[in-house]
Amino acid sequence: MSGATDDRPTLVEVLPKAGLVYLEKGNLSELLCKPKIMPIKSVSLERLEAMEQQAENFRKSNPTTAMPK
């Protein structure tokens, strides 16, 4: 990378011997990242829905008699 021209301003570090250290950056700009692909439904939600469907099918196929008191 030596010899590469850079249009950004160079920052000179100044480290004080005592006190606080401040950092200044010039020309802040937006940084865009790649979009993340998110699942429409999570795997755990799909499992839960499948379990609920199985329970509903079981309840419909095995009707219960009167509830005990």
N, C-alpha and C. Protein backbone atom coordinates (compact mmCIF):
# COMPACT_ATOMS: atom_id res chain seq x y z
N MET A 1 0.79 -1.18 0.00
CA MET A 1 0.00 0.00 0.00
C MET A 1 0.84 1.25 0.00
N SER A 2 2.10 1.12 0.07
CA SER A 2 2.93 2.32 0.02
C SER A 2 2.89 2.86 -1.40
N GLY A 3 2.81 4.17 -1.49
CA GLY A 3 2.77 4.79 -2.80
C GLY A 3 1.35 4.95 -3.33
N ALA A 4 0.35 4.41 -2.62
CA ALA A 4 -1.03 4.54 -3.06
C ALA A 4 -1.54 5.93 -2.69
N THR A 5 -2.20 6.58 -3.62
CA THR A 5 -2.73 7.91 -3.32
C THR A 5 -4.06 7.75 -2.60
N ASP A 6 -4.26 8.60 -1.60
CA ASP A 6 -5.47 8.53 -0.79
C ASP A 6 -6.06 9.92 -0.69
N ASP A 7 -7.34 10.06 -1.00
CA ASP A 7 -7.98 11.37 -0.98
C ASP A 7 -8.43 11.78 0.42
N ARG A 8 -8.41 10.86 1.36
CA ARG A 8 -8.85 11.19 2.71
C ARG A 8 -7.78 11.99 3.44
N PRO A 9 -8.20 12.89 4.33
CA PRO A 9 -7.19 13.64 5.09
C PRO A 9 -6.50 12.71 6.09
N THR A 10 -5.23 12.94 6.29
CA THR A 10 -4.50 12.10 7.23
C THR A 10 -4.66 12.67 8.63
N LEU A 11 -4.75 11.81 9.60
CA LEU A 11 -4.88 12.21 10.99
C LEU A 11 -3.53 12.05 11.67
N VAL A 12 -3.16 13.04 12.41
CA VAL A 12 -1.91 12.99 13.16
C VAL A 12 -2.26 12.74 14.62
N GLU A 13 -1.71 11.69 15.19
CA GLU A 13 -1.99 11.37 16.59
C GLU A 13 -1.16 12.24 17.50
N VAL A 14 -1.81 12.79 18.50
CA VAL A 14 -1.13 13.57 19.52
C VAL A 14 -1.49 12.93 20.85
N LEU A 15 -0.54 12.31 21.50
CA LEU A 15 -0.79 11.66 22.77
C LEU A 15 -0.22 12.51 23.89
N PRO A 16 -1.09 13.11 24.71
CA PRO A 16 -0.58 13.93 25.80
C PRO A 16 0.01 13.05 26.90
N LYS A 17 0.92 13.61 27.64
CA LYS A 17 1.55 12.87 28.73
C LYS A 17 0.61 12.74 29.92
N ALA A 18 -0.33 13.66 30.07
CA ALA A 18 -1.31 13.60 31.14
C ALA A 18 -2.62 14.18 30.63
N GLY A 19 -3.73 13.70 31.15
CA GLY A 19 -5.03 14.25 30.76
C GLY A 19 -5.78 13.33 29.83
N LEU A 20 -6.80 13.87 29.22
CA LEU A 20 -7.68 13.10 28.34
C LEU A 20 -7.15 13.08 26.91
N VAL A 21 -7.52 12.03 26.20
CA VAL A 21 -7.15 11.90 24.79
C VAL A 21 -8.42 12.13 23.97
N TYR A 22 -8.35 13.03 23.02
CA TYR A 22 -9.49 13.34 22.16
C TYR A 22 -9.19 12.85 20.75
N LEU A 23 -10.24 12.46 20.05
CA LEU A 23 -10.09 11.98 18.68
C LEU A 23 -11.03 12.78 17.80
N GLU A 24 -10.51 13.31 16.73
CA GLU A 24 -11.33 14.05 15.78
C GLU A 24 -11.25 13.34 14.44
N LYS A 25 -12.41 13.16 13.84
CA LYS A 25 -12.45 12.58 12.50
C LYS A 25 -13.16 13.58 11.61
N GLY A 26 -12.64 13.78 10.45
CA GLY A 26 -13.26 14.71 9.51
C GLY A 26 -14.02 13.96 8.44
N ASN A 27 -15.02 14.61 7.88
CA ASN A 27 -15.81 14.08 6.78
C ASN A 27 -16.39 12.70 7.09
N LEU A 28 -17.21 12.63 8.11
CA LEU A 28 -17.87 11.37 8.43
C LEU A 28 -18.91 11.08 7.35
N SER A 29 -19.00 9.85 6.95
CA SER A 29 -19.96 9.49 5.92
C SER A 29 -20.65 8.19 6.31
N GLU A 30 -21.71 7.88 5.56
CA GLU A 30 -22.46 6.67 5.82
C GLU A 30 -21.65 5.45 5.40
N LEU A 31 -21.87 4.37 6.13
CA LEU A 31 -21.23 3.11 5.80
C LEU A 31 -22.33 2.09 5.62
N LEU A 32 -22.49 1.61 4.41
CA LEU A 32 -23.54 0.64 4.12
C LEU A 32 -22.96 -0.76 4.15
N CYS A 33 -23.71 -1.69 4.75
CA CYS A 33 -23.27 -3.07 4.77
C CYS A 33 -24.21 -3.92 3.92
N LYS A 34 -23.79 -5.14 3.67
CA LYS A 34 -24.59 -6.05 2.87
C LYS A 34 -25.89 -6.36 3.62
N PRO A 35 -27.00 -6.48 2.90
CA PRO A 35 -28.25 -6.85 3.56
C PRO A 35 -28.17 -8.29 4.06
N LYS A 36 -28.76 -8.51 5.20
CA LYS A 36 -28.76 -9.85 5.78
C LYS A 36 -30.04 -10.56 5.38
N ILE A 37 -29.93 -11.79 4.96
CA ILE A 37 -31.09 -12.57 4.57
C ILE A 37 -31.66 -13.21 5.83
N MET A 38 -32.89 -12.83 6.16
CA MET A 38 -33.53 -13.33 7.36
C MET A 38 -34.60 -14.34 6.95
N PRO A 39 -34.73 -15.44 7.70
CA PRO A 39 -35.78 -16.41 7.37
C PRO A 39 -37.16 -15.81 7.67
N ILE A 40 -38.14 -16.19 6.87
CA ILE A 40 -39.49 -15.69 7.10
C ILE A 40 -40.01 -16.23 8.43
N LYS A 41 -39.78 -17.51 8.67
CA LYS A 41 -40.15 -18.12 9.94
C LYS A 41 -38.91 -18.81 10.50
N SER A 42 -38.74 -18.69 11.78
CA SER A 42 -37.60 -19.35 12.39
C SER A 42 -37.88 -20.85 12.49
N VAL A 43 -36.83 -21.62 12.64
CA VAL A 43 -36.96 -23.07 12.73
C VAL A 43 -37.76 -23.45 13.97
N SER A 44 -37.52 -22.77 15.08
CA SER A 44 -38.24 -23.11 16.31
C SER A 44 -39.72 -22.79 16.18
N LEU A 45 -40.07 -21.71 15.47
CA LEU A 45 -41.48 -21.39 15.25
C LEU A 45 -42.14 -22.44 14.38
N GLU A 46 -41.43 -22.92 13.36
CA GLU A 46 -41.98 -23.97 12.52
C GLU A 46 -42.19 -25.25 13.31
N ARG A 47 -41.27 -25.60 14.20
CA ARG A 47 -41.43 -26.79 15.05
C ARG A 47 -42.63 -26.63 15.96
N LEU A 48 -42.79 -25.46 16.56
CA LEU A 48 -43.91 -25.21 17.45
C LEU A 48 -45.24 -25.33 16.71
N GLU A 49 -45.31 -24.77 15.51
CA GLU A 49 -46.53 -24.87 14.71
C GLU A 49 -46.82 -26.32 14.33
N ALA A 50 -45.78 -27.09 14.02
CA ALA A 50 -45.98 -28.50 13.69
C ALA A 50 -46.49 -29.27 14.90
N MET A 51 -45.95 -28.98 16.09
CA MET A 51 -46.42 -29.64 17.31
C MET A 51 -47.87 -29.28 17.59
N GLU A 52 -48.25 -28.02 17.40
CA GLU A 52 -49.63 -27.60 17.61
C GLU A 52 -50.56 -28.29 16.62
N GLN A 53 -50.12 -28.44 15.38
CA GLN A 53 -50.93 -29.11 14.37
C GLN A 53 -51.11 -30.59 14.72
N GLN A 54 -50.05 -31.24 15.20
CA GLN A 54 -50.15 -32.64 15.61
C GLN A 54 -51.11 -32.79 16.78
N ALA A 55 -51.04 -31.88 17.74
CA ALA A 55 -51.94 -31.93 18.90
C ALA A 55 -53.39 -31.72 18.45
N GLU A 56 -53.62 -30.81 17.52
CA GLU A 56 -54.97 -30.56 17.00
C GLU A 56 -55.50 -31.79 16.27
N ASN A 57 -54.66 -32.42 15.44
CA ASN A 57 -55.07 -33.63 14.73
C ASN A 57 -55.36 -34.77 15.71
N PHE A 58 -54.55 -34.90 16.74
CA PHE A 58 -54.76 -35.95 17.74
C PHE A 58 -56.08 -35.70 18.48
N ARG A 59 -56.35 -34.44 18.82
CA ARG A 59 -57.58 -34.11 19.54
C ARG A 59 -58.80 -34.40 18.68
N LYS A 60 -58.71 -34.10 17.37
CA LYS A 60 -59.84 -34.36 16.48
C LYS A 60 -60.06 -35.85 16.26
N SER A 61 -58.98 -36.63 16.18
CA SER A 61 -59.11 -38.06 15.90
C SER A 61 -59.49 -38.86 17.14
N ASN A 62 -59.25 -38.35 18.33
CA ASN A 62 -59.56 -39.05 19.58
C ASN A 62 -60.45 -38.16 20.45
N PRO A 63 -61.75 -38.12 20.14
CA PRO A 63 -62.61 -37.27 20.97
C PRO A 63 -62.71 -37.85 22.38
N THR A 64 -62.69 -37.00 23.34
CA THR A 64 -62.75 -37.46 24.73
C THR A 64 -64.19 -37.45 25.19
N THR A 65 -64.46 -38.25 26.19
CA THR A 65 -65.80 -38.28 26.77
C THR A 65 -65.90 -37.16 27.79
N ALA A 66 -66.86 -37.21 28.63
CA ALA A 66 -67.09 -36.14 29.60
C ALA A 66 -65.87 -35.96 30.48
N MET A 67 -65.63 -34.73 30.84
CA MET A 67 -64.48 -34.41 31.70
C MET A 67 -64.77 -34.90 33.11
N PRO A 68 -63.80 -35.54 33.76
CA PRO A 68 -64.02 -35.97 35.15
C PRO A 68 -64.08 -34.77 36.07
N LYS A 69 -64.93 -34.91 37.10
CA LYS A 69 -65.08 -33.80 38.04
C LYS A 69 -64.20 -33.95 39.22
